Amino acid sequence: MSGMASDRNNSSQEEYIPHYLQREDPFASKLSREADIIAGFYLTIIGILSTLGNGYVIFMSSKRKKKLRPAEIMTVNLAVCDLGISVVGKPFSIISFFSHRWMFGWIGCRWYGWAGFFFGCGSLITMTAVSLDRYLKICHLSYGTWLKRHHAFICLAIIWAYATFWATVPFAGVGSYAPEPFGTSCTLDWWLAQASVAGQAFVLSILFFCLLFPTAVIVFSYVKIILKVKSSTKEVAHYDTRIQNSHILEMKLTKVAMLICAGFLIAWIPYAVVSVWSAFGRPDSVPIQFSVVPTLLAKSAAMYNPIIYQVIDCKFACCRSGGLKAKSSLRKSR
């Protein structure tokens, strides 16, 4: 009986051995060489587009940095986070995919995992702050009268401190960063939840404070905005033209923010689902070939935000030119 009990204990412990400890070389690619080359080209294209797009947004914003409104400052911060992901993180994974293995060892793995989580968390918390800004400006019109630029910079300091804290917590011995199951990328060690209660507490804390809570705030903000817009159309019609135009501008900015948040969540939620399943589901139940798809999708989140900025900027330019023409014609008629 004691022998059977010891066998059961041994088998249960073996279930909690993470994938990177089951193999002699955790950084060898588990994909075919052809799949790695395709993934490498995919990330190269995304990295170039993301770097050029977000760099352009930052460059154009720097030209009018003294005139940026609080909401625009937050948008620039989002571009900085996206650019950081592209410049700091993507070269590591691109080189590794083309090399058919992770090339930078455990130190590079932990750095890559930290950088990806740091900038990703910064992006999500920035979008959370933007959603709150949109909610207060649309649902509480008096809010826009006291919000100043220094409030936005205080918010930026909080965002960067928040992201730094949660990205650095794993280095305090609470968690860790580890290679992905397919071997050529690194992430948070979700598999610690399989090993101990402390690991489960770490993973649950990360999920709540860095995904669920910010997402809940974003959803709450935009649901309230949609409900407010439906009921406020008649109210705004009674205001003068200047307030009506300001309201229209705020609604356009809100649509931009909603598109950005929706795109970010669409890109990252599949990865979050796979990560949660890896943490709390049956070990090794996620096929390696399947686990790489959400990872690549999540890495594309930094690419399309500049596209949204440019499309909306063109629309704003058209609206401004139309408004200027209308004002000039009104002056001539007067």
Foldseek 3Di string as FASTA:
>chain_A
DVVVVVVVVVVLQVQLDAPCVVDPALFAFPDDLVVLLVLLVLLVVLLVLLQVLLVVLLVVCVVVVVPDFLLSVLVNQLSVLLNQCSPVASVQLSVLSNVRTRDPPPVVQQSNQLSNQLSLLLNLLSLLVSLVVLLCCQVPVCVVVPDGNVVSVVSSVVSNVVSNVLSCVCVVVQWGKDADNRNRHIHTPLSLLSPDPSSVVSNVVCCVPRPVVSVVSNVVSVVSNVVSVVVCPVVQVPDDPVSVVVSVVSVLVVVLSVVLNVLLCVLQVVLVVVSNCCNPNRHPPQDPVRNVVSVSSNSSSSNCSSVSVVVSVVVVVVVVVVVVVVVVVVVVVD
